[in-house]
């Protein structure tokens, strides 16, 4: 069987990241002490 179709744009094109990483990092990590602590606790 052929592989399922995953395409959303033409083949060979770069697909942009579908979210605002800078917003997640700023609001969720840089400005929220609970998320900051939880992420660092697990990562360390």
ModelCIF file with pLDDT and N, C-alpha, C, O atoms, coordinates in Angstrom:
data_MODEL
#
_entry.id   MODEL 
#
_entity.id                         1 
_entity.type                       polymer 
_entity.pdbx_number_of_molecules   1 
#
_entity_poly.entity_id                      1 
_entity_poly.type                           'polypeptide(L)' 
_entity_poly.nstd_linkage                   no 
_entity_poly.nstd_monomer                   no 
_entity_poly.pdbx_seq_one_letter_code       
;(UNK)(UNK)(UNK)(UNK)(UNK)(UNK)(UNK)(UNK)(UNK)(UNK)(UNK)(UNK)(UNK)(UNK)(UNK)(UNK)
(UNK)(UNK)(UNK)(UNK)(UNK)(UNK)(UNK)(UNK)(UNK)(UNK)(UNK)(UNK)(UNK)(UNK)(UNK)(UNK)
(UNK)(UNK)(UNK)(UNK)(UNK)(UNK)(UNK)(UNK)(UNK)(UNK)(UNK)(UNK)
;
_entity_poly.pdbx_seq_one_letter_code_can   XXXXXXXXXXXXXXXXXXXXXXXXXXXXXXXXXXXXXXXXXXXX 
_entity_poly.pdbx_strand_id                 A 
#
loop_
_entity_poly_seq.entity_id 
_entity_poly_seq.num 
_entity_poly_seq.mon_id 
_entity_poly_seq.hetero 
1 1  UNK n 
1 2  UNK n 
1 3  UNK n 
1 4  UNK n 
1 5  UNK n 
1 6  UNK n 
1 7  UNK n 
1 8  UNK n 
1 9  UNK n 
1 10 UNK n 
1 11 UNK n 
1 12 UNK n 
1 13 UNK n 
1 14 UNK n 
1 15 UNK n 
1 16 UNK n 
1 17 UNK n 
1 18 UNK n 
1 19 UNK n 
1 20 UNK n 
1 21 UNK n 
1 22 UNK n 
1 23 UNK n 
1 24 UNK n 
1 25 UNK n 
1 26 UNK n 
1 27 UNK n 
1 28 UNK n 
1 29 UNK n 
1 30 UNK n 
1 31 UNK n 
1 32 UNK n 
1 33 UNK n 
1 34 UNK n 
1 35 UNK n 
1 36 UNK n 
1 37 UNK n 
1 38 UNK n 
1 39 UNK n 
1 40 UNK n 
1 41 UNK n 
1 42 UNK n 
1 43 UNK n 
1 44 UNK n 
#
_struct_asym.id          A 
_struct_asym.entity_id   1 
#
loop_
_ma_qa_metric.id 
_ma_qa_metric.mode 
_ma_qa_metric.name 
_ma_qa_metric.software_group_id 
_ma_qa_metric.type 
1 global pLDDT . pLDDT 
2 local  pLDDT . pLDDT 
#
_ma_qa_metric_global.metric_id      1 
_ma_qa_metric_global.metric_value   74.05 
_ma_qa_metric_global.model_id       1 
_ma_qa_metric_global.ordinal_id     1 
#
loop_
_ma_qa_metric_local.label_asym_id 
_ma_qa_metric_local.label_comp_id 
_ma_qa_metric_local.label_seq_id 
_ma_qa_metric_local.metric_id 
_ma_qa_metric_local.metric_value 
_ma_qa_metric_local.model_id 
_ma_qa_metric_local.ordinal_id 
A UNK 1  2 52.00 1 1  
A UNK 2  2 56.00 1 2  
A UNK 3  2 57.00 1 3  
A UNK 4  2 61.00 1 4  
A UNK 5  2 57.00 1 5  
A UNK 6  2 56.00 1 6  
A UNK 7  2 51.00 1 7  
A UNK 8  2 56.00 1 8  
A UNK 9  2 53.00 1 9  
A UNK 10 2 54.00 1 10 
A UNK 11 2 54.00 1 11 
A UNK 12 2 56.00 1 12 
A UNK 13 2 57.00 1 13 
A UNK 14 2 57.00 1 14 
A UNK 15 2 55.00 1 15 
A UNK 16 2 47.00 1 16 
A UNK 17 2 45.00 1 17 
A UNK 18 2 46.00 1 18 
A UNK 19 2 58.00 1 19 
A UNK 20 2 76.00 1 20 
A UNK 21 2 81.00 1 21 
A UNK 22 2 82.00 1 22 
A UNK 23 2 82.00 1 23 
A UNK 24 2 83.00 1 24 
A UNK 25 2 86.00 1 25 
A UNK 26 2 86.00 1 26 
A UNK 27 2 84.00 1 27 
A UNK 28 2 85.00 1 28 
A UNK 29 2 89.00 1 29 
A UNK 30 2 90.00 1 30 
A UNK 31 2 88.00 1 31 
A UNK 32 2 90.00 1 32 
A UNK 33 2 91.00 1 33 
A UNK 34 2 92.00 1 34 
A UNK 35 2 92.00 1 35 
A UNK 36 2 94.00 1 36 
A UNK 37 2 94.00 1 37 
A UNK 38 2 94.00 1 38 
A UNK 39 2 95.00 1 39 
A UNK 40 2 95.00 1 40 
A UNK 41 2 95.00 1 41 
A UNK 42 2 95.00 1 42 
A UNK 43 2 96.00 1 43 
A UNK 44 2 95.00 1 44 
#
loop_
_atom_site.group_PDB 
_atom_site.id 
_atom_site.type_symbol 
_atom_site.label_atom_id 
_atom_site.label_alt_id 
_atom_site.label_comp_id 
_atom_site.label_asym_id 
_atom_site.label_entity_id 
_atom_site.label_seq_id 
_atom_site.pdbx_PDB_ins_code 
_atom_site.Cartn_x 
_atom_site.Cartn_y 
_atom_site.Cartn_z 
_atom_site.occupancy 
_atom_site.B_iso_or_equiv 
_atom_site.pdbx_formal_charge 
_atom_site.auth_seq_id 
_atom_site.auth_comp_id 
_atom_site.auth_asym_id 
_atom_site.auth_atom_id 
_atom_site.pdbx_PDB_model_num 
ATOM 1   N N  . UNK A 1 1  ? 0.842  -1.193 0.000  1.00 52.00 ? 1  UNK A N  1 
ATOM 2   C CA . UNK A 1 1  ? 0.000  0.000  0.000  1.00 52.00 ? 1  UNK A CA 1 
ATOM 3   C C  . UNK A 1 1  ? 0.875  1.240  0.000  1.00 52.00 ? 1  UNK A C  1 
ATOM 4   O O  . UNK A 1 1  ? 1.996  1.224  0.510  1.00 52.00 ? 1  UNK A O  1 
ATOM 5   N N  . UNK A 1 2  ? 0.364  2.296  -0.567 1.00 56.00 ? 2  UNK A N  1 
ATOM 6   C CA . UNK A 1 2  ? 1.081  3.563  -0.549 1.00 56.00 ? 2  UNK A CA 1 
ATOM 7   C C  . UNK A 1 2  ? 1.007  4.172  0.839  1.00 56.00 ? 2  UNK A C  1 
ATOM 8   O O  . UNK A 1 2  ? 0.119  3.859  1.632  1.00 56.00 ? 2  UNK A O  1 
ATOM 9   N N  . UNK A 1 3  ? 1.972  5.058  1.117  1.00 57.00 ? 3  UNK A N  1 
ATOM 10  C CA . UNK A 1 3  ? 1.929  5.753  2.400  1.00 57.00 ? 3  UNK A CA 1 
ATOM 11  C C  . UNK A 1 3  ? 0.767  6.742  2.407  1.00 57.00 ? 3  UNK A C  1 
ATOM 12  O O  . UNK A 1 3  ? 0.365  7.230  1.351  1.00 57.00 ? 3  UNK A O  1 
ATOM 13  N N  . UNK A 1 4  ? 0.216  7.045  3.599  1.00 61.00 ? 4  UNK A N  1 
ATOM 14  C CA . UNK A 1 4  ? -0.835 8.066  3.686  1.00 61.00 ? 4  UNK A CA 1 
ATOM 15  C C  . UNK A 1 4  ? -0.317 9.417  3.222  1.00 61.00 ? 4  UNK A C  1 
ATOM 16  O O  . UNK A 1 4  ? 0.890  9.660  3.207  1.00 61.00 ? 4  UNK A O  1 
ATOM 17  N N  . UNK A 1 5  ? -1.231 10.287 2.845  1.00 57.00 ? 5  UNK A N  1 
ATOM 18  C CA . UNK A 1 5  ? -0.871 11.620 2.362  1.00 57.00 ? 5  UNK A CA 1 
ATOM 19  C C  . UNK A 1 5  ? -0.756 12.564 3.551  1.00 57.00 ? 5  UNK A C  1 
ATOM 20  O O  . UNK A 1 5  ? -1.697 12.716 4.330  1.00 57.00 ? 5  UNK A O  1 
ATOM 21  N N  . UNK A 1 6  ? 0.407  13.196 3.683  1.00 56.00 ? 6  UNK A N  1 
ATOM 22  C CA . UNK A 1 6  ? 0.624  14.153 4.757  1.00 56.00 ? 6  UNK A CA 1 
ATOM 23  C C  . UNK A 1 6  ? 0.771  15.578 4.220  1.00 56.00 ? 6  UNK A C  1 
ATOM 24  O O  . UNK A 1 6  ? 0.867  16.522 5.003  1.00 56.00 ? 6  UNK A O  1 
ATOM 25  N N  . UNK A 1 7  ? 0.791  15.743 2.909  1.00 51.00 ? 7  UNK A N  1 
ATOM 26  C CA . UNK A 1 7  ? 1.122  17.021 2.295  1.00 51.00 ? 7  UNK A CA 1 
ATOM 27  C C  . UNK A 1 7  ? 0.094  18.093 2.635  1.00 51.00 ? 7  UNK A C  1 
ATOM 28  O O  . UNK A 1 7  ? -1.108 17.835 2.693  1.00 51.00 ? 7  UNK A O  1 
ATOM 29  N N  . UNK A 1 8  ? 0.592  19.277 2.851  1.00 56.00 ? 8  UNK A N  1 
ATOM 30  C CA . UNK A 1 8  ? -0.256 20.441 2.990  1.00 56.00 ? 8  UNK A CA 1 
ATOM 31  C C  . UNK A 1 8  ? 0.160  21.522 1.992  1.00 56.00 ? 8  UNK A C  1 
ATOM 32  O O  . UNK A 1 8  ? -0.642 22.394 1.659  1.00 56.00 ? 8  UNK A O  1 
ATOM 33  N N  . UNK A 1 9  ? 1.367  21.476 1.526  1.00 53.00 ? 9  UNK A N  1 
ATOM 34  C CA . UNK A 1 9  ? 1.876  22.401 0.513  1.00 53.00 ? 9  UNK A CA 1 
ATOM 35  C C  . UNK A 1 9  ? 2.620  21.567 -0.513 1.00 53.00 ? 9  UNK A C  1 
ATOM 36  O O  . UNK A 1 9  ? 2.683  20.343 -0.403 1.00 53.00 ? 9  UNK A O  1 
ATOM 37  N N  . UNK A 1 10 ? 3.184  22.236 -1.513 1.00 54.00 ? 10 UNK A N  1 
ATOM 38  C CA . UNK A 1 10 ? 3.908  21.512 -2.543 1.00 54.00 ? 10 UNK A CA 1 
ATOM 39  C C  . UNK A 1 10 ? 5.141  20.836 -2.004 1.00 54.00 ? 10 UNK A C  1 
ATOM 40  O O  . UNK A 1 10 ? 5.769  21.355 -1.081 1.00 54.00 ? 10 UNK A O  1 
ATOM 41  N N  . UNK A 1 11 ? 5.513  19.680 -2.557 1.00 54.00 ? 11 UNK A N  1 
ATOM 42  C CA . UNK A 1 11 ? 6.707  18.960 -2.098 1.00 54.00 ? 11 UNK A CA 1 
ATOM 43  C C  . UNK A 1 11 ? 7.959  19.820 -2.199 1.00 54.00 ? 11 UNK A C  1 
ATOM 44  O O  . UNK A 1 11 ? 8.123  20.605 -3.133 1.00 54.00 ? 11 UNK A O  1 
ATOM 45  N N  . UNK A 1 12 ? 8.836  19.652 -1.217 1.00 56.00 ? 12 UNK A N  1 
ATOM 46  C CA . UNK A 1 12 ? 10.102 20.377 -1.219 1.00 56.00 ? 12 UNK A CA 1 
ATOM 47  C C  . UNK A 1 12 ? 10.045 21.749 -0.600 1.00 56.00 ? 12 UNK A C  1 
ATOM 48  O O  . UNK A 1 12 ? 11.064 22.437 -0.544 1.00 56.00 ? 12 UNK A O  1 
ATOM 49  N N  . UNK A 1 13 ? 8.881  22.173 -0.130 1.00 57.00 ? 13 UNK A N  1 
ATOM 50  C CA . UNK A 1 13 ? 8.759  23.485 0.499  1.00 57.00 ? 13 UNK A CA 1 
ATOM 51  C C  . UNK A 1 13 ? 8.835  23.355 2.011  1.00 57.00 ? 13 UNK A C  1 
ATOM 52  O O  . UNK A 1 13 ? 8.402  22.359 2.591  1.00 57.00 ? 13 UNK A O  1 
ATOM 53  N N  . UNK A 1 14 ? 9.389  24.373 2.629  1.00 57.00 ? 14 UNK A N  1 
ATOM 54  C CA . UNK A 1 14 ? 9.484  24.388 4.093  1.00 57.00 ? 14 UNK A CA 1 
ATOM 55  C C  . UNK A 1 14 ? 8.148  24.802 4.687  1.00 57.00 ? 14 UNK A C  1 
ATOM 56  O O  . UNK A 1 14 ? 7.521  25.751 4.218  1.00 57.00 ? 14 UNK A O  1 
ATOM 57  N N  . UNK A 1 15 ? 7.716  24.091 5.715  1.00 55.00 ? 15 UNK A N  1 
ATOM 58  C CA . UNK A 1 15 ? 6.439  24.366 6.366  1.00 55.00 ? 15 UNK A CA 1 
ATOM 59  C C  . UNK A 1 15 ? 6.711  25.151 7.642  1.00 55.00 ? 15 UNK A C  1 
ATOM 60  O O  . UNK A 1 15 ? 7.453  24.695 8.512  1.00 55.00 ? 15 UNK A O  1 
ATOM 61  N N  . UNK A 1 16 ? 6.114  26.321 7.750  1.00 47.00 ? 16 UNK A N  1 
ATOM 62  C CA . UNK A 1 16 ? 6.374  27.187 8.896  1.00 47.00 ? 16 UNK A CA 1 
ATOM 63  C C  . UNK A 1 16 ? 5.830  26.567 10.173 1.00 47.00 ? 16 UNK A C  1 
ATOM 64  O O  . UNK A 1 16 ? 4.826  25.856 10.148 1.00 47.00 ? 16 UNK A O  1 
ATOM 65  N N  . UNK A 1 17 ? 6.494  26.838 11.280 1.00 45.00 ? 17 UNK A N  1 
ATOM 66  C CA . UNK A 1 17 ? 6.048  26.345 12.581 1.00 45.00 ? 17 UNK A CA 1 
ATOM 67  C C  . UNK A 1 17 ? 4.679  26.930 12.907 1.00 45.00 ? 17 UNK A C  1 
ATOM 68  O O  . UNK A 1 17 ? 4.548  28.154 12.915 1.00 45.00 ? 17 UNK A O  1 
ATOM 69  N N  . UNK A 1 18 ? 3.660  26.130 13.173 1.00 46.00 ? 18 UNK A N  1 
ATOM 70  C CA . UNK A 1 18 ? 2.285  26.625 13.333 1.00 46.00 ? 18 UNK A CA 1 
ATOM 71  C C  . UNK A 1 18 ? 1.962  27.130 14.721 1.00 46.00 ? 18 UNK A C  1 
ATOM 72  O O  . UNK A 1 18 ? 0.937  26.754 15.290 1.00 46.00 ? 18 UNK A O  1 
ATOM 73  N N  . UNK A 1 19 ? 2.815  27.975 15.279 1.00 58.00 ? 19 UNK A N  1 
ATOM 74  C CA . UNK A 1 19 ? 2.530  28.532 16.587 1.00 58.00 ? 19 UNK A CA 1 
ATOM 75  C C  . UNK A 1 19 ? 3.491  29.696 16.821 1.00 58.00 ? 19 UNK A C  1 
ATOM 76  O O  . UNK A 1 19 ? 4.460  29.858 16.078 1.00 58.00 ? 19 UNK A O  1 
ATOM 77  N N  . UNK A 1 20 ? 3.234  30.494 17.833 1.00 76.00 ? 20 UNK A N  1 
ATOM 78  C CA . UNK A 1 20 ? 4.122  31.591 18.178 1.00 76.00 ? 20 UNK A CA 1 
ATOM 79  C C  . UNK A 1 20 ? 4.993  31.146 19.343 1.00 76.00 ? 20 UNK A C  1 
ATOM 80  O O  . UNK A 1 20 ? 4.604  31.255 20.506 1.00 76.00 ? 20 UNK A O  1 
ATOM 81  N N  . UNK A 1 21 ? 6.161  30.649 19.018 1.00 81.00 ? 21 UNK A N  1 
ATOM 82  C CA . UNK A 1 21 ? 7.075  30.172 20.049 1.00 81.00 ? 21 UNK A CA 1 
ATOM 83  C C  . UNK A 1 21 ? 7.472  31.297 20.996 1.00 81.00 ? 21 UNK A C  1 
ATOM 84  O O  . UNK A 1 21 ? 7.604  31.088 22.202 1.00 81.00 ? 21 UNK A O  1 
ATOM 85  N N  . UNK A 1 22 ? 7.663  32.499 20.440 1.00 82.00 ? 22 UNK A N  1 
ATOM 86  C CA . UNK A 1 22 ? 8.088  33.615 21.279 1.00 82.00 ? 22 UNK A CA 1 
ATOM 87  C C  . UNK A 1 22 ? 7.026  33.963 22.321 1.00 82.00 ? 22 UNK A C  1 
ATOM 88  O O  . UNK A 1 22 ? 7.356  34.338 23.446 1.00 82.00 ? 22 UNK A O  1 
ATOM 89  N N  . UNK A 1 23 ? 5.751  33.839 21.945 1.00 82.00 ? 23 UNK A N  1 
ATOM 90  C CA . UNK A 1 23 ? 4.682  34.122 22.901 1.00 82.00 ? 23 UNK A CA 1 
ATOM 91  C C  . UNK A 1 23 ? 4.627  33.063 24.006 1.00 82.00 ? 23 UNK A C  1 
ATOM 92  O O  . UNK A 1 23 ? 4.453  33.379 25.183 1.00 82.00 ? 23 UNK A O  1 
ATOM 93  N N  . UNK A 1 24 ? 4.780  31.806 23.600 1.00 83.00 ? 24 UNK A N  1 
ATOM 94  C CA . UNK A 1 24 ? 4.781  30.735 24.595 1.00 83.00 ? 24 UNK A CA 1 
ATOM 95  C C  . UNK A 1 24 ? 5.946  30.892 25.567 1.00 83.00 ? 24 UNK A C  1 
ATOM 96  O O  . UNK A 1 24 ? 5.791  30.718 26.776 1.00 83.00 ? 24 UNK A O  1 
ATOM 97  N N  . UNK A 1 25 ? 7.118  31.225 25.017 1.00 86.00 ? 25 UNK A N  1 
ATOM 98  C CA . UNK A 1 25 ? 8.304  31.372 25.860 1.00 86.00 ? 25 UNK A CA 1 
ATOM 99  C C  . UNK A 1 25 ? 8.180  32.566 26.800 1.00 86.00 ? 25 UNK A C  1 
ATOM 100 O O  . UNK A 1 25 ? 8.574  32.495 27.964 1.00 86.00 ? 25 UNK A O  1 
ATOM 101 N N  . UNK A 1 26 ? 7.625  33.672 26.281 1.00 86.00 ? 26 UNK A N  1 
ATOM 102 C CA . UNK A 1 26 ? 7.533  34.882 27.098 1.00 86.00 ? 26 UNK A CA 1 
ATOM 103 C C  . UNK A 1 26 ? 6.479  34.755 28.188 1.00 86.00 ? 26 UNK A C  1 
ATOM 104 O O  . UNK A 1 26 ? 6.766  34.964 29.367 1.00 86.00 ? 26 UNK A O  1 
ATOM 105 N N  . UNK A 1 27 ? 5.253  34.409 27.788 1.00 84.00 ? 27 UNK A N  1 
ATOM 106 C CA . UNK A 1 27 ? 4.159  34.349 28.756 1.00 84.00 ? 27 UNK A CA 1 
ATOM 107 C C  . UNK A 1 27 ? 4.260  33.129 29.672 1.00 84.00 ? 27 UNK A C  1 
ATOM 108 O O  . UNK A 1 27 ? 3.940  33.206 30.858 1.00 84.00 ? 27 UNK A O  1 
ATOM 109 N N  . UNK A 1 28 ? 4.707  32.003 29.111 1.00 85.00 ? 28 UNK A N  1 
ATOM 110 C CA . UNK A 1 28 ? 4.682  30.772 29.878 1.00 85.00 ? 28 UNK A CA 1 
ATOM 111 C C  . UNK A 1 28 ? 5.943  30.462 30.641 1.00 85.00 ? 28 UNK A C  1 
ATOM 112 O O  . UNK A 1 28 ? 5.888  29.777 31.663 1.00 85.00 ? 28 UNK A O  1 
ATOM 113 N N  . UNK A 1 29 ? 7.093  30.949 30.172 1.00 89.00 ? 29 UNK A N  1 
ATOM 114 C CA . UNK A 1 29 ? 8.360  30.622 30.844 1.00 89.00 ? 29 UNK A CA 1 
ATOM 115 C C  . UNK A 1 29 ? 8.983  31.853 31.499 1.00 89.00 ? 29 UNK A C  1 
ATOM 116 O O  . UNK A 1 29 ? 9.365  31.809 32.668 1.00 89.00 ? 29 UNK A O  1 
ATOM 117 N N  . UNK A 1 30 ? 9.088  32.943 30.752 1.00 90.00 ? 30 UNK A N  1 
ATOM 118 C CA . UNK A 1 30 ? 9.766  34.125 31.280 1.00 90.00 ? 30 UNK A CA 1 
ATOM 119 C C  . UNK A 1 30 ? 8.945  34.865 32.329 1.00 90.00 ? 30 UNK A C  1 
ATOM 120 O O  . UNK A 1 30 ? 9.509  35.530 33.197 1.00 90.00 ? 30 UNK A O  1 
ATOM 121 N N  . UNK A 1 31 ? 7.596  34.755 32.258 1.00 88.00 ? 31 UNK A N  1 
ATOM 122 C CA . UNK A 1 31 ? 6.757  35.569 33.133 1.00 88.00 ? 31 UNK A CA 1 
ATOM 123 C C  . UNK A 1 31 ? 5.860  34.753 34.060 1.00 88.00 ? 31 UNK A C  1 
ATOM 124 O O  . UNK A 1 31 ? 5.053  35.324 34.794 1.00 88.00 ? 31 UNK A O  1 
ATOM 125 N N  . UNK A 1 32 ? 5.988  33.441 34.037 1.00 90.00 ? 32 UNK A N  1 
ATOM 126 C CA . UNK A 1 32 ? 5.144  32.625 34.915 1.00 90.00 ? 32 UNK A CA 1 
ATOM 127 C C  . UNK A 1 32 ? 6.020  31.751 35.796 1.00 90.00 ? 32 UNK A C  1 
ATOM 128 O O  . UNK A 1 32 ? 6.728  30.872 35.305 1.00 90.00 ? 32 UNK A O  1 
ATOM 129 N N  . UNK A 1 33 ? 5.971  31.991 37.065 1.00 91.00 ? 33 UNK A N  1 
ATOM 130 C CA . UNK A 1 33 ? 6.878  31.310 37.988 1.00 91.00 ? 33 UNK A CA 1 
ATOM 131 C C  . UNK A 1 33 ? 6.569  29.821 38.094 1.00 91.00 ? 33 UNK A C  1 
ATOM 132 O O  . UNK A 1 33 ? 7.486  29.028 38.305 1.00 91.00 ? 33 UNK A O  1 
ATOM 133 N N  . UNK A 1 34 ? 5.309  29.417 37.955 1.00 92.00 ? 34 UNK A N  1 
ATOM 134 C CA . UNK A 1 34 ? 4.955  28.006 38.068 1.00 92.00 ? 34 UNK A CA 1 
ATOM 135 C C  . UNK A 1 34 ? 5.496  27.225 36.871 1.00 92.00 ? 34 UNK A C  1 
ATOM 136 O O  . UNK A 1 34 ? 6.118  26.177 37.043 1.00 92.00 ? 34 UNK A O  1 
ATOM 137 N N  . UNK A 1 35 ? 5.260  27.733 35.658 1.00 92.00 ? 35 UNK A N  1 
ATOM 138 C CA . UNK A 1 35 ? 5.777  27.067 34.462 1.00 92.00 ? 35 UNK A CA 1 
ATOM 139 C C  . UNK A 1 35 ? 7.301  27.060 34.466 1.00 92.00 ? 35 UNK A C  1 
ATOM 140 O O  . UNK A 1 35 ? 7.924  26.065 34.095 1.00 92.00 ? 35 UNK A O  1 
ATOM 141 N N  . UNK A 1 36 ? 7.896  28.173 34.885 1.00 94.00 ? 36 UNK A N  1 
ATOM 142 C CA . UNK A 1 36 ? 9.365  28.259 34.954 1.00 94.00 ? 36 UNK A CA 1 
ATOM 143 C C  . UNK A 1 36 ? 9.916  27.192 35.892 1.00 94.00 ? 36 UNK A C  1 
ATOM 144 O O  . UNK A 1 36 ? 10.871 26.489 35.562 1.00 94.00 ? 36 UNK A O  1 
ATOM 145 N N  . UNK A 1 37 ? 9.300  27.083 37.063 1.00 94.00 ? 37 UNK A N  1 
ATOM 146 C CA . UNK A 1 37 ? 9.768  26.115 38.046 1.00 94.00 ? 37 UNK A CA 1 
ATOM 147 C C  . UNK A 1 37 ? 9.551  24.683 37.566 1.00 94.00 ? 37 UNK A C  1 
ATOM 148 O O  . UNK A 1 37 ? 10.432 23.839 37.730 1.00 94.00 ? 37 UNK A O  1 
ATOM 149 N N  . UNK A 1 38 ? 8.390  24.398 36.977 1.00 94.00 ? 38 UNK A N  1 
ATOM 150 C CA . UNK A 1 38 ? 8.091  23.046 36.528 1.00 94.00 ? 38 UNK A CA 1 
ATOM 151 C C  . UNK A 1 38 ? 9.037  22.615 35.414 1.00 94.00 ? 38 UNK A C  1 
ATOM 152 O O  . UNK A 1 38 ? 9.555  21.499 35.439 1.00 94.00 ? 38 UNK A O  1 
ATOM 153 N N  . UNK A 1 39 ? 9.266  23.486 34.441 1.00 95.00 ? 39 UNK A N  1 
ATOM 154 C CA . UNK A 1 39 ? 10.156 23.158 33.314 1.00 95.00 ? 39 UNK A CA 1 
ATOM 155 C C  . UNK A 1 39 ? 11.574 22.937 33.801 1.00 95.00 ? 39 UNK A C  1 
ATOM 156 O O  . UNK A 1 39 ? 12.224 21.969 33.405 1.00 95.00 ? 39 UNK A O  1 
ATOM 157 N N  . UNK A 1 40 ? 12.059 23.819 34.653 1.00 95.00 ? 40 UNK A N  1 
ATOM 158 C CA . UNK A 1 40 ? 13.426 23.678 35.152 1.00 95.00 ? 40 UNK A CA 1 
ATOM 159 C C  . UNK A 1 40 ? 13.574 22.453 36.043 1.00 95.00 ? 40 UNK A C  1 
ATOM 160 O O  . UNK A 1 40 ? 14.613 21.793 36.026 1.00 95.00 ? 40 UNK A O  1 
ATOM 161 N N  . UNK A 1 41 ? 12.550 22.148 36.813 1.00 95.00 ? 41 UNK A N  1 
ATOM 162 C CA . UNK A 1 41 ? 12.604 20.984 37.697 1.00 95.00 ? 41 UNK A CA 1 
ATOM 163 C C  . UNK A 1 41 ? 12.776 19.713 36.887 1.00 95.00 ? 41 UNK A C  1 
ATOM 164 O O  . UNK A 1 41 ? 13.622 18.877 37.206 1.00 95.00 ? 41 UNK A O  1 
ATOM 165 N N  . UNK A 1 42 ? 11.971 19.564 35.835 1.00 95.00 ? 42 UNK A N  1 
ATOM 166 C CA . UNK A 1 42 ? 12.042 18.367 35.003 1.00 95.00 ? 42 UNK A CA 1 
ATOM 167 C C  . UNK A 1 42 ? 13.333 18.345 34.191 1.00 95.00 ? 42 UNK A C  1 
ATOM 168 O O  . UNK A 1 42 ? 13.998 17.312 34.111 1.00 95.00 ? 42 UNK A O  1 
ATOM 169 N N  . UNK A 1 43 ? 13.690 19.472 33.590 1.00 96.00 ? 43 UNK A N  1 
ATOM 170 C CA . UNK A 1 43 ? 14.876 19.519 32.735 1.00 96.00 ? 43 UNK A CA 1 
ATOM 171 C C  . UNK A 1 43 ? 16.158 19.234 33.522 1.00 96.00 ? 43 UNK A C  1 
ATOM 172 O O  . UNK A 1 43 ? 17.019 18.487 33.057 1.00 96.00 ? 43 UNK A O  1 
ATOM 173 N N  . UNK A 1 44 ? 16.284 19.820 34.698 1.00 95.00 ? 44 UNK A N  1 
ATOM 174 C CA . UNK A 1 44 ? 17.483 19.589 35.509 1.00 95.00 ? 44 UNK A CA 1 
ATOM 175 C C  . UNK A 1 44 ? 17.542 18.149 36.000 1.00 95.00 ? 44 UNK A C  1 
ATOM 176 O O  . UNK A 1 44 ? 18.483 17.773 36.699 1.00 95.00 ? 44 UNK A O  1 
#
